[in-house]
Amino acid sequence: MSLFPAFKREGARRAEGSRCRAGLMVGLLCIGAAWSGAAAAGYGIMVSEATAAQAGWRSVVAALQAKHPGSVVFSWARQPEETLPALRASFPRHVCFVARPEEAGREFVARVHRLMRRLDADPYTDALWGILTGYDAACARRIALERDPLIVRKVAAGTEVALEMCEEGVWYSELKPGLMVRKPRGGAAREETVPADTTEALVRTLNEYRPDLFVTSGHATERDWQIGYAYRNGQFRCQDGRLWGVDTRGRRFPVDSPNPKVYLPVGNCLMGHIDRRDCMALAWMNSAGVRQMIGYTVPTWYGYAGWGCLDYFLEQPGRFTFAEAFFANQHALIHRLARFFPEALKSPSEKPGRVPKPPALTAGARAAGLTPTDGRGLLYDRDVVAFYGDPAWEARMAPQPCAWEQTLTEREGVWTLTITPRRGERTFEPINRNGAQRGGRPIVQFLPRRLGPVEIMEGAELQPVVTDDFVLVPLPAQRPVAESYRVVFRELARPATP
């Protein structure tokens, strides 16, 4: 029996009277979702009955309910897919999965990805979701209780990042021993020479500098992060929910960094895999103040789903929340599959971590310089990067000038997305090339509300994709770069409400 029977029964009744219909295709690549429940639930809380039966974890759900008035709770007995009819009827904007560590393994992450693409007929993720867990219920509740938005002003990293897009920050090289780059607030980034073993410096950066965003890459497992990728350096390790650094001489440096922060292990294998309580992801949450993070649940070799989060979050500062940046990159990944490997979208999902068979190479993929390995990599990455935390909590980079401006306006049902280049012919070039699969990400604009079917009125030559909750525009390929680009579309009908 559900511990939240009123919510579940209400969702089931709505589901009986509603039917998820395919989106209406109008103009070029327009996906207007036919969905019910437009105003029913802005925030959904997902929890298993076994988790909700425990008082500590029930308090996590209660904290989210208090923070998000009007939220709807969905519970399941055996598997989260049981909630699909009620989710389709309610169609929340944000969905938070409250899960104990023993529930939150890589298979669970993959199931959440797949479930959250099934609320309507298009292939894209249908809500901003997150998995809220912790080393224990008290840790998860601290994350749930976080209310104040985070403006990311201080950035620190164990790999190269685009400090020119940050208010201030520091990064230590994982490729060249002794290289550190620092940018003071109001100043320019400059190189400095530091000891080759940066373990103590990184721990002190977390404990004393207290960055708002921490970025890492390199070799890792569920139990450690190996700081140097191309040379011998120290490690970060975990035990009993705590992090510490161990340098090459065996000295130990505890991490105590309680300020709220977001964490991007963009290139680390397994950093997002919660295979047991004693793992790095939970230690970051418990002893390093991490309120939101992403992370691969498998070994990473292609990198699109991880590194691309920098393209949207750090390199378009102020435009996206941390959650929006993650899902903008997910939309970009699905779009790349749909555009260049459409048959792959119809293939059954592989077990997480298993390299899929190479999909057929289309003429479009060949013209874009892609290979079957790119198709395999995109499929491999699609369901294996977790997003942890409350997806509605706002963490956003401090605004800086972006390579292009984008504005969205609406008048009498006609929407206009205007893209204005600000760097001339370099506008759509990669900001930073460190890592894998960098640059080339499409322009993404989230919509302020869900739309019904739409018709493209202007800008069809840009090959835009307009869904119920976002617009995606591939980077313009023609040169010279135009002064501006516009996509204009008209909503044909408002979505039905229950």
Protein backbone atom coordinates (compact mmCIF):
# COMPACT_ATOMS: atom_id res chain seq x y z
CA MET A 1 0.00 0.00 0.00
CA SER A 2 1.27 3.48 -0.84
CA LEU A 3 2.20 5.69 2.08
CA PHE A 4 0.84 8.59 0.03
CA PRO A 5 -2.44 7.02 -1.19
CA ALA A 6 -4.31 10.26 -1.83
CA PHE A 7 -1.66 11.52 -4.22
CA LYS A 8 -1.31 8.21 -6.00
CA ARG A 9 -5.03 7.59 -6.42
CA GLU A 10 -5.58 11.12 -7.72
CA GLY A 11 -2.84 10.65 -10.31
CA ALA A 12 -4.27 7.29 -11.33
CA ARG A 13 -7.77 8.75 -11.81
CA ARG A 14 -6.37 11.50 -14.02
CA ALA A 15 -4.39 8.95 -16.01
CA GLU A 16 -7.53 6.91 -16.71
CA GLY A 17 -9.15 9.90 -18.36
CA SER A 18 -6.13 11.10 -20.29
CA ARG A 19 -4.10 9.73 -23.12
CA CYS A 20 -0.60 10.72 -24.13
CA ARG A 21 -0.81 11.55 -27.81
CA ALA A 22 1.94 12.03 -30.33
CA GLY A 23 3.07 15.60 -30.90
CA LEU A 24 1.74 17.41 -33.95
CA MET A 25 4.43 17.97 -36.59
CA VAL A 26 4.03 21.40 -38.15
CA GLY A 27 6.57 23.17 -40.33
CA LEU A 28 10.15 21.98 -39.84
CA LEU A 29 11.11 19.87 -36.83
CA CYS A 30 8.37 21.21 -34.57
CA ILE A 31 7.32 19.02 -31.70
CA GLY A 32 4.29 20.33 -29.87
CA ALA A 33 3.50 17.90 -27.09
CA ALA A 34 -0.12 17.04 -26.52
CA TRP A 35 -0.11 16.70 -22.76
CA SER A 36 -2.58 17.02 -19.95
CA GLY A 37 -2.02 18.54 -16.55
CA ALA A 38 -0.37 21.81 -17.59
CA ALA A 39 -1.14 23.45 -14.27
CA ALA A 40 -1.42 20.32 -12.17
CA ALA A 41 2.04 19.99 -10.66
CA GLY A 42 5.08 22.18 -10.98
CA TYR A 43 7.11 19.86 -8.76
CA GLY A 44 6.88 16.11 -8.37
CA ILE A 45 8.50 14.05 -5.61
CA MET A 46 9.24 10.41 -6.40
CA VAL A 47 9.92 7.95 -3.59
CA SER A 48 9.69 4.19 -3.12
CA GLU A 49 7.33 2.89 -0.46
CA ALA A 50 10.30 1.23 1.26
CA THR A 51 12.14 4.55 1.53
CA ALA A 52 9.06 6.47 2.66
CA ALA A 53 8.51 3.88 5.40
CA GLN A 54 11.68 5.07 7.17
CA ALA A 55 11.17 8.12 9.38
CA GLY A 56 14.47 9.78 8.48
CA TRP A 57 13.87 9.57 4.75
CA ARG A 58 10.23 10.53 5.16
CA SER A 59 11.53 13.77 6.70
CA VAL A 60 13.46 14.41 3.46
CA VAL A 61 10.20 14.17 1.51
CA ALA A 62 8.52 16.48 4.04
CA ALA A 63 11.34 19.03 3.66
CA LEU A 64 10.84 19.09 -0.10
CA GLN A 65 7.07 19.44 0.30
CA ALA A 66 7.57 22.42 2.60
CA LYS A 67 10.05 24.03 0.20
CA HIS A 68 7.90 23.44 -2.88
CA PRO A 69 4.25 24.18 -1.99
CA GLY A 70 1.77 22.29 -4.13
CA SER A 71 4.24 19.53 -4.93
CA VAL A 72 2.79 16.10 -5.72
CA VAL A 73 4.20 12.88 -4.27
CA PHE A 74 4.38 9.74 -6.41
CA SER A 75 5.35 6.43 -4.84
CA TRP A 76 6.01 2.95 -6.17
CA ALA A 77 6.16 -0.52 -4.71
CA ARG A 78 8.69 -2.31 -6.94
CA GLN A 79 9.93 0.02 -9.67
CA PRO A 80 9.59 3.72 -10.56
CA GLU A 81 7.94 2.93 -13.91
CA GLU A 82 4.75 2.18 -11.95
CA THR A 83 4.25 5.94 -11.65
CA LEU A 84 4.30 6.63 -15.40
CA PRO A 85 0.50 7.03 -15.89
CA ALA A 86 0.28 9.49 -12.99
CA LEU A 87 3.38 11.36 -14.17
CA ARG A 88 1.88 11.72 -17.64
CA ALA A 89 -1.34 13.05 -16.16
CA SER A 90 0.44 15.54 -13.91
CA PHE A 91 3.46 16.36 -16.13
CA PRO A 92 5.53 18.26 -13.53
CA ARG A 93 8.20 20.75 -14.52
CA HIS A 94 10.67 19.35 -11.95
CA VAL A 95 10.86 15.80 -10.60
CA CYS A 96 12.95 14.88 -7.56
CA PHE A 97 13.67 11.21 -6.82
CA VAL A 98 14.31 10.70 -3.10
CA ALA A 99 16.43 7.57 -2.83
CA ARG A 100 18.49 5.78 -0.22
CA PRO A 101 22.08 4.97 -1.26
CA GLU A 102 21.24 1.29 -1.72
CA GLU A 103 18.61 2.28 -4.31
CA ALA A 104 20.67 4.81 -6.25
CA GLY A 105 23.05 2.64 -8.28
CA ARG A 106 23.80 2.90 -11.98
CA GLU A 107 20.77 0.82 -12.98
CA PHE A 108 18.51 3.23 -11.09
CA VAL A 109 20.11 6.24 -12.80
CA ALA A 110 19.56 4.65 -16.22
CA ARG A 111 15.94 3.83 -15.38
CA VAL A 112 15.30 7.42 -14.33
CA HIS A 113 16.76 8.73 -17.60
CA ARG A 114 14.54 6.40 -19.62
CA LEU A 115 11.41 7.01 -17.55
CA MET A 116 11.74 10.78 -17.83
CA ARG A 117 11.83 10.57 -21.64
CA ARG A 118 8.50 8.73 -21.73
CA LEU A 119 6.07 11.41 -20.53
CA ASP A 120 5.26 12.41 -24.11
CA ALA A 121 6.00 11.25 -27.65
CA ASP A 122 9.20 13.17 -28.42
CA PRO A 123 12.61 11.60 -27.67
CA TYR A 124 13.77 14.33 -25.26
CA THR A 125 13.83 14.48 -21.47
CA ASP A 126 10.42 15.75 -20.35
CA ALA A 127 11.21 17.33 -16.97
CA LEU A 128 14.22 18.61 -15.07
CA TRP A 129 14.92 15.74 -12.69
CA GLY A 130 17.37 15.01 -9.92
CA ILE A 131 18.14 12.18 -7.51
CA LEU A 132 18.24 13.45 -3.94
CA THR A 133 20.24 11.11 -1.76
CA GLY A 134 22.97 11.35 0.85
CA TYR A 135 25.37 9.42 3.02
CA ASP A 136 22.44 9.17 5.43
CA ALA A 137 19.00 10.72 5.75
CA ALA A 138 20.41 13.68 7.70
CA CYS A 139 22.78 14.48 4.83
CA ALA A 140 19.96 14.22 2.29
CA ARG A 141 17.75 16.44 4.44
CA ARG A 142 20.45 19.15 4.55
CA ILE A 143 20.44 19.15 0.76
CA ALA A 144 16.64 19.24 0.66
CA LEU A 145 16.51 22.17 3.09
CA GLU A 146 18.85 24.36 1.01
CA ARG A 147 16.78 27.32 -0.16
CA ASP A 148 19.05 30.28 -0.90
CA PRO A 149 20.09 30.46 -4.57
CA LEU A 150 23.82 30.09 -5.22
CA ILE A 151 25.64 32.61 -7.40
CA VAL A 152 28.89 30.98 -8.52
CA ARG A 153 31.56 33.64 -8.12
CA LYS A 154 34.55 31.49 -7.13
CA VAL A 155 35.57 28.52 -9.29
CA ALA A 156 38.25 25.95 -8.54
CA ALA A 157 39.31 23.00 -10.67
CA GLY A 158 41.73 20.11 -10.98
CA THR A 159 41.71 20.56 -14.75
CA GLU A 160 41.80 23.49 -17.16
CA VAL A 161 38.64 25.60 -17.29
CA ALA A 162 37.76 28.88 -19.04
CA LEU A 163 38.54 31.33 -16.23
CA GLU A 164 37.86 34.24 -18.59
CA MET A 165 34.17 33.33 -18.22
CA CYS A 166 34.38 33.35 -14.40
CA GLU A 167 34.37 36.19 -11.90
CA GLU A 168 37.41 34.65 -10.22
CA GLY A 169 39.00 31.24 -9.84
CA VAL A 170 41.95 28.89 -9.96
CA TRP A 171 42.79 25.66 -11.76
CA TYR A 172 45.60 23.13 -11.37
CA SER A 173 46.79 21.22 -14.41
CA GLU A 174 46.23 17.47 -14.59
CA LEU A 175 48.51 17.31 -17.65
CA LYS A 176 51.55 19.46 -16.82
CA PRO A 177 53.24 19.14 -13.40
CA GLY A 178 53.55 22.37 -11.44
CA LEU A 179 51.18 24.47 -13.56
CA MET A 180 48.49 26.52 -11.87
CA VAL A 181 46.41 29.36 -13.36
CA ARG A 182 44.72 31.95 -11.16
CA LYS A 183 42.32 34.75 -11.98
CA PRO A 184 41.68 37.32 -9.24
CA ARG A 185 38.40 39.20 -9.15
CA GLY A 186 38.66 42.13 -11.53
CA GLY A 187 41.97 40.90 -12.97
CA ALA A 188 43.31 38.70 -15.74
CA ALA A 189 44.21 35.02 -15.51
CA ARG A 190 47.92 34.32 -15.09
CA GLU A 191 50.07 31.22 -14.83
CA GLU A 192 51.94 30.37 -11.64
CA THR A 193 54.41 27.63 -10.75
CA VAL A 194 53.48 25.36 -7.85
CA PRO A 195 54.80 22.04 -6.48
CA ALA A 196 54.09 19.08 -8.75
CA ASP A 197 52.10 17.37 -5.99
CA THR A 198 49.00 19.53 -5.68
CA THR A 199 47.11 17.41 -3.13
CA GLU A 200 47.53 19.77 -0.18
CA ALA A 201 46.89 22.83 -2.36
CA LEU A 202 43.60 21.38 -3.65
CA VAL A 203 42.43 20.47 -0.14
CA ARG A 204 43.32 23.95 1.09
CA THR A 205 41.47 25.41 -1.88
CA LEU A 206 38.32 23.58 -0.81
CA ASN A 207 38.74 24.27 2.91
CA GLU A 208 40.00 27.87 2.84
CA TYR A 209 39.15 29.39 -0.55
CA ARG A 210 35.75 27.66 -0.42
CA PRO A 211 34.78 27.74 -4.09
CA ASP A 212 31.17 27.77 -5.24
CA LEU A 213 31.97 25.39 -8.12
CA PHE A 214 34.55 22.60 -8.18
CA VAL A 215 35.51 20.86 -11.44
CA THR A 216 37.57 17.67 -11.84
CA SER A 217 38.64 15.21 -14.51
CA GLY A 218 41.11 12.34 -14.77
CA HIS A 219 41.19 8.79 -13.49
CA ALA A 220 38.79 7.89 -10.69
CA THR A 221 36.86 5.05 -9.11
CA GLU A 222 34.01 4.94 -6.62
CA ARG A 223 36.66 5.19 -3.89
CA ASP A 224 39.19 7.75 -5.17
CA TRP A 225 40.14 10.55 -7.53
CA GLN A 226 43.66 10.40 -8.98
CA ILE A 227 44.65 14.05 -9.29
CA GLY A 228 47.28 13.78 -12.02
CA TYR A 229 46.17 12.41 -15.37
CA ALA A 230 49.50 12.56 -17.24
CA TYR A 231 51.90 12.49 -14.29
CA ARG A 232 52.21 11.14 -10.75
CA ASN A 233 50.26 13.16 -8.19
CA GLY A 234 48.25 12.48 -5.05
CA GLN A 235 44.71 11.26 -4.56
CA PHE A 236 41.42 12.15 -2.94
CA ARG A 237 39.89 9.22 -1.05
CA CYS A 238 36.80 8.56 1.02
CA GLN A 239 35.74 6.56 4.05
CA ASP A 240 32.72 6.73 6.36
CA GLY A 241 31.25 9.66 4.46
CA ARG A 242 34.39 11.81 4.66
CA LEU A 243 36.88 13.00 2.04
CA TRP A 244 40.58 13.54 2.43
CA GLY A 245 43.64 14.01 0.26
CA VAL A 246 46.69 11.72 0.33
CA ASP A 247 49.84 13.09 -1.27
CA THR A 248 52.65 11.11 -2.86
CA ARG A 249 54.48 11.02 0.49
CA GLY A 250 51.49 9.45 2.23
CA ARG A 251 50.48 12.56 4.16
CA ARG A 252 46.75 12.89 4.81
CA PHE A 253 44.77 16.15 4.51
CA PRO A 254 41.09 16.06 5.62
CA VAL A 255 38.52 17.91 3.54
CA ASP A 256 36.22 20.18 5.55
CA SER A 257 34.44 22.49 3.12
CA PRO A 258 30.86 23.05 4.32
CA ASN A 259 29.89 26.00 2.11
CA PRO A 260 27.14 25.10 -0.40
CA LYS A 261 28.62 24.30 -3.79
CA VAL A 262 28.07 22.45 -7.05
CA TYR A 263 30.46 19.82 -8.37
CA LEU A 264 31.29 18.92 -11.98
CA PRO A 265 33.45 15.78 -12.28
CA VAL A 266 33.14 16.18 -16.04
CA GLY A 267 35.75 13.65 -17.10
CA ASN A 268 36.00 11.28 -14.13
CA CYS A 269 35.10 7.63 -14.45
CA LEU A 270 32.64 6.30 -11.84
CA MET A 271 32.50 9.45 -9.67
CA GLY A 272 28.71 9.41 -9.88
CA HIS A 273 28.29 5.70 -9.15
CA ILE A 274 26.78 4.98 -5.75
CA ASP A 275 27.58 1.30 -5.41
CA ARG A 276 27.53 1.45 -1.59
CA ARG A 277 27.48 4.08 1.15
CA ASP A 278 31.27 4.27 1.21
CA CYS A 279 31.72 6.06 -2.12
CA MET A 280 33.05 9.35 -3.42
CA ALA A 281 29.73 10.85 -4.50
CA LEU A 282 28.20 10.54 -1.04
CA ALA A 283 31.40 11.78 0.62
CA TRP A 284 31.35 14.91 -1.56
CA MET A 285 27.79 15.57 -0.39
CA ASN A 286 28.52 14.77 3.25
CA SER A 287 31.86 16.49 3.89
CA ALA A 288 32.36 18.96 1.05
CA GLY A 289 29.08 20.90 0.98
CA VAL A 290 27.98 19.61 -2.42
CA ARG A 291 24.30 20.39 -3.01
CA GLN A 292 24.18 19.40 -6.67
CA MET A 293 26.55 17.32 -8.77
CA ILE A 294 26.71 15.24 -11.90
CA GLY A 295 28.81 12.14 -12.38
CA TYR A 296 29.45 9.17 -14.63
CA THR A 297 28.20 5.90 -13.17
CA VAL A 298 30.43 3.92 -15.56
CA PRO A 299 33.94 4.27 -17.00
CA THR A 300 33.91 7.19 -19.44
CA TRP A 301 35.63 7.11 -22.83
CA TYR A 302 33.52 9.31 -25.14
CA GLY A 303 32.71 12.22 -22.86
CA TYR A 304 29.82 14.06 -24.51
CA ALA A 305 27.43 13.87 -21.54
CA GLY A 306 30.05 15.08 -19.06
CA TRP A 307 32.29 17.67 -20.68
CA GLY A 308 29.41 19.39 -22.46
CA CYS A 309 28.04 20.61 -19.13
CA LEU A 310 30.94 23.09 -19.09
CA ASP A 311 29.84 24.42 -22.49
CA TYR A 312 26.42 25.33 -21.12
CA PHE A 313 27.08 26.16 -17.45
CA LEU A 314 30.53 27.71 -17.10
CA GLU A 315 30.96 29.01 -20.66
CA GLN A 316 27.54 30.68 -20.93
CA PRO A 317 27.70 32.27 -17.48
CA GLY A 318 24.39 33.28 -15.94
CA ARG A 319 22.25 31.85 -18.74
CA PHE A 320 21.41 28.48 -17.18
CA THR A 321 20.99 27.04 -13.74
CA PHE A 322 23.20 24.05 -12.99
CA ALA A 323 20.25 21.71 -13.61
CA GLU A 324 19.26 23.47 -16.84
CA ALA A 325 22.84 23.24 -18.12
CA PHE A 326 22.90 19.48 -17.49
CA PHE A 327 19.62 18.96 -19.34
CA ALA A 328 20.54 21.36 -22.14
CA ASN A 329 23.50 19.06 -22.76
CA GLN A 330 21.22 16.01 -22.58
CA HIS A 331 18.93 17.64 -25.16
CA ALA A 332 21.99 18.31 -27.33
CA LEU A 333 23.03 14.65 -27.09
CA ILE A 334 19.56 13.36 -28.03
CA HIS A 335 19.35 15.88 -30.87
CA ARG A 336 22.71 14.70 -32.22
CA LEU A 337 21.45 11.13 -32.21
CA ALA A 338 18.13 12.10 -33.81
CA ARG A 339 19.81 14.18 -36.49
CA PHE A 340 22.70 11.91 -37.45
CA PHE A 341 21.81 8.43 -36.14
CA PRO A 342 17.98 8.35 -36.14
CA GLU A 343 17.72 4.56 -36.27
CA ALA A 344 19.71 4.35 -33.03
CA LEU A 345 16.86 6.02 -31.14
CA LYS A 346 14.69 3.00 -31.92
CA SER A 347 17.22 0.49 -30.60
CA PRO A 348 16.63 -1.12 -27.19
CA SER A 349 18.64 0.54 -24.45
CA GLU A 350 21.84 -1.26 -23.53
CA LYS A 351 22.81 -2.20 -20.00
CA PRO A 352 24.68 0.79 -18.50
CA GLY A 353 28.39 0.47 -19.20
CA ARG A 354 28.01 -1.90 -22.14
CA VAL A 355 29.35 -0.45 -25.39
CA PRO A 356 26.52 -0.65 -27.95
CA LYS A 357 26.84 -1.89 -31.49
CA PRO A 358 27.75 0.87 -33.96
CA PRO A 359 24.63 2.40 -35.53
CA ALA A 360 24.23 2.87 -39.26
CA LEU A 361 26.17 5.84 -40.61
CA THR A 362 23.83 8.24 -42.40
CA ALA A 363 24.85 10.56 -45.22
CA GLY A 364 24.32 13.50 -42.88
CA ALA A 365 26.62 11.99 -40.26
CA ARG A 366 29.29 11.32 -42.87
CA ALA A 367 29.03 14.90 -44.16
CA ALA A 368 29.44 16.19 -40.59
CA GLY A 369 32.64 14.18 -40.20
CA LEU A 370 31.12 11.68 -37.76
CA THR A 371 31.90 7.97 -37.63
CA PRO A 372 30.09 4.92 -36.23
CA THR A 373 32.19 5.39 -33.07
CA ASP A 374 30.43 8.72 -32.50
CA GLY A 375 27.07 6.98 -32.66
CA ARG A 376 28.26 4.34 -30.19
CA GLY A 377 29.64 7.01 -27.87
CA LEU A 378 26.43 9.02 -27.84
CA LEU A 379 24.37 5.90 -27.09
CA TYR A 380 26.85 4.87 -24.40
CA ASP A 381 26.66 8.27 -22.69
CA ARG A 382 22.92 8.79 -22.94
CA ASP A 383 21.78 7.15 -19.69
CA VAL A 384 24.91 6.89 -17.54
CA VAL A 385 25.50 10.36 -16.07
CA ALA A 386 23.60 11.07 -12.87
CA PHE A 387 22.26 14.40 -11.67
CA TYR A 388 22.15 14.53 -7.88
CA GLY A 389 20.29 17.11 -5.81
CA ASP A 390 17.07 19.09 -5.86
CA PRO A 391 16.63 20.00 -9.56
CA ALA A 392 14.66 23.16 -8.72
CA TRP A 393 17.36 24.61 -6.46
CA GLU A 394 19.09 27.41 -8.35
CA ALA A 395 22.84 27.53 -8.75
CA ARG A 396 23.95 29.88 -11.50
CA MET A 397 27.26 31.36 -12.67
CA ALA A 398 27.77 35.06 -11.97
CA PRO A 399 26.86 36.79 -15.25
CA GLN A 400 29.65 37.59 -17.69
CA PRO A 401 29.50 38.63 -21.38
CA CYS A 402 28.63 35.57 -23.47
CA ALA A 403 29.70 34.77 -27.03
CA TRP A 404 26.15 35.49 -28.16
CA GLU A 405 23.02 36.95 -26.65
CA GLN A 406 19.69 35.18 -26.85
CA THR A 407 16.33 36.69 -26.00
CA LEU A 408 12.86 35.17 -26.04
CA THR A 409 9.72 37.28 -26.34
CA GLU A 410 6.03 36.44 -26.70
CA ARG A 411 3.15 38.52 -28.02
CA GLU A 412 -0.37 37.23 -28.63
CA GLY A 413 0.79 33.65 -28.94
CA VAL A 414 3.72 34.41 -31.27
CA TRP A 415 7.15 33.65 -29.81
CA THR A 416 10.44 35.08 -31.08
CA LEU A 417 13.89 33.77 -30.21
CA THR A 418 16.60 36.23 -31.26
CA ILE A 419 20.27 35.21 -31.30
CA THR A 420 22.78 38.06 -31.53
CA PRO A 421 26.48 37.18 -32.09
CA ARG A 422 28.96 39.18 -29.97
CA ARG A 423 32.33 37.81 -31.11
CA GLY A 424 32.12 38.22 -34.85
CA GLU A 425 33.40 35.24 -36.81
CA ARG A 426 34.55 33.58 -33.57
CA THR A 427 31.08 33.65 -32.01
CA PHE A 428 30.30 29.97 -32.45
CA GLU A 429 33.81 28.60 -31.94
CA PRO A 430 34.55 26.56 -28.79
CA ILE A 431 35.36 28.69 -25.75
CA ASN A 432 37.75 26.06 -24.38
CA ARG A 433 38.95 22.80 -25.93
CA ASN A 434 40.21 20.97 -22.85
CA GLY A 435 38.61 17.54 -22.51
CA ALA A 436 36.56 15.49 -24.94
CA GLN A 437 33.72 16.34 -27.35
CA ARG A 438 34.04 20.06 -26.67
CA GLY A 439 32.26 22.79 -28.60
CA GLY A 440 29.62 22.57 -31.29
CA ARG A 441 26.73 22.43 -28.84
CA PRO A 442 23.43 23.77 -30.20
CA ILE A 443 21.77 26.87 -28.80
CA VAL A 444 19.14 25.95 -26.20
CA GLN A 445 16.41 28.20 -24.85
CA PHE A 446 14.08 26.93 -22.13
CA LEU A 447 10.49 28.13 -22.33
CA PRO A 448 8.75 29.78 -19.35
CA ARG A 449 5.77 27.44 -19.66
CA ARG A 450 4.81 24.35 -21.58
CA LEU A 451 3.44 24.99 -25.06
CA GLY A 452 1.00 23.14 -27.23
CA PRO A 453 1.61 22.42 -30.93
CA VAL A 454 3.46 25.18 -32.78
CA GLU A 455 4.05 26.37 -36.33
CA ILE A 456 7.38 27.80 -37.48
CA MET A 457 6.79 31.20 -39.08
CA GLU A 458 10.39 32.34 -39.60
CA GLY A 459 13.83 30.76 -39.33
CA ALA A 460 13.05 27.28 -40.67
CA GLU A 461 16.36 27.34 -42.55
CA LEU A 462 18.12 27.23 -39.16
CA GLN A 463 16.57 23.77 -38.58
CA PRO A 464 15.17 24.60 -35.13
CA VAL A 465 13.52 22.07 -32.88
CA VAL A 466 10.63 23.48 -30.85
CA THR A 467 9.31 21.18 -28.13
CA ASP A 468 6.78 21.81 -25.40
CA ASP A 469 9.38 23.27 -23.02
CA PHE A 470 12.52 24.28 -24.94
CA VAL A 471 13.81 25.50 -28.29
CA LEU A 472 17.02 24.10 -29.81
CA VAL A 473 18.87 25.70 -32.71
CA PRO A 474 21.98 24.09 -34.25
CA LEU A 475 24.92 26.49 -34.41
CA PRO A 476 24.71 28.43 -37.70
CA ALA A 477 27.25 26.98 -40.12
CA GLN A 478 27.20 29.62 -42.83
CA ARG A 479 29.88 32.30 -42.89
CA PRO A 480 30.12 35.19 -42.54
CA VAL A 481 28.25 35.22 -39.23
CA ALA A 482 25.05 37.24 -39.52
CA GLU A 483 24.23 40.23 -37.32
CA SER A 484 21.37 38.25 -35.79
CA TYR A 485 19.24 35.14 -36.25
CA ARG A 486 15.54 34.75 -35.50
CA VAL A 487 13.23 31.83 -34.95
CA VAL A 488 9.56 32.85 -34.84
CA PHE A 489 6.83 30.36 -34.04
CA ARG A 490 3.14 30.48 -33.22
CA GLU A 491 1.39 28.36 -30.65
CA LEU A 492 -1.59 26.75 -32.35
CA ALA A 493 -3.39 25.75 -29.15
CA ARG A 494 -2.74 25.99 -25.43
CA PRO A 495 -2.20 22.63 -23.72
CA ALA A 496 -5.27 21.09 -22.14
CA THR A 497 -5.58 21.08 -18.36
CA PRO A 498 -7.29 18.31 -16.39
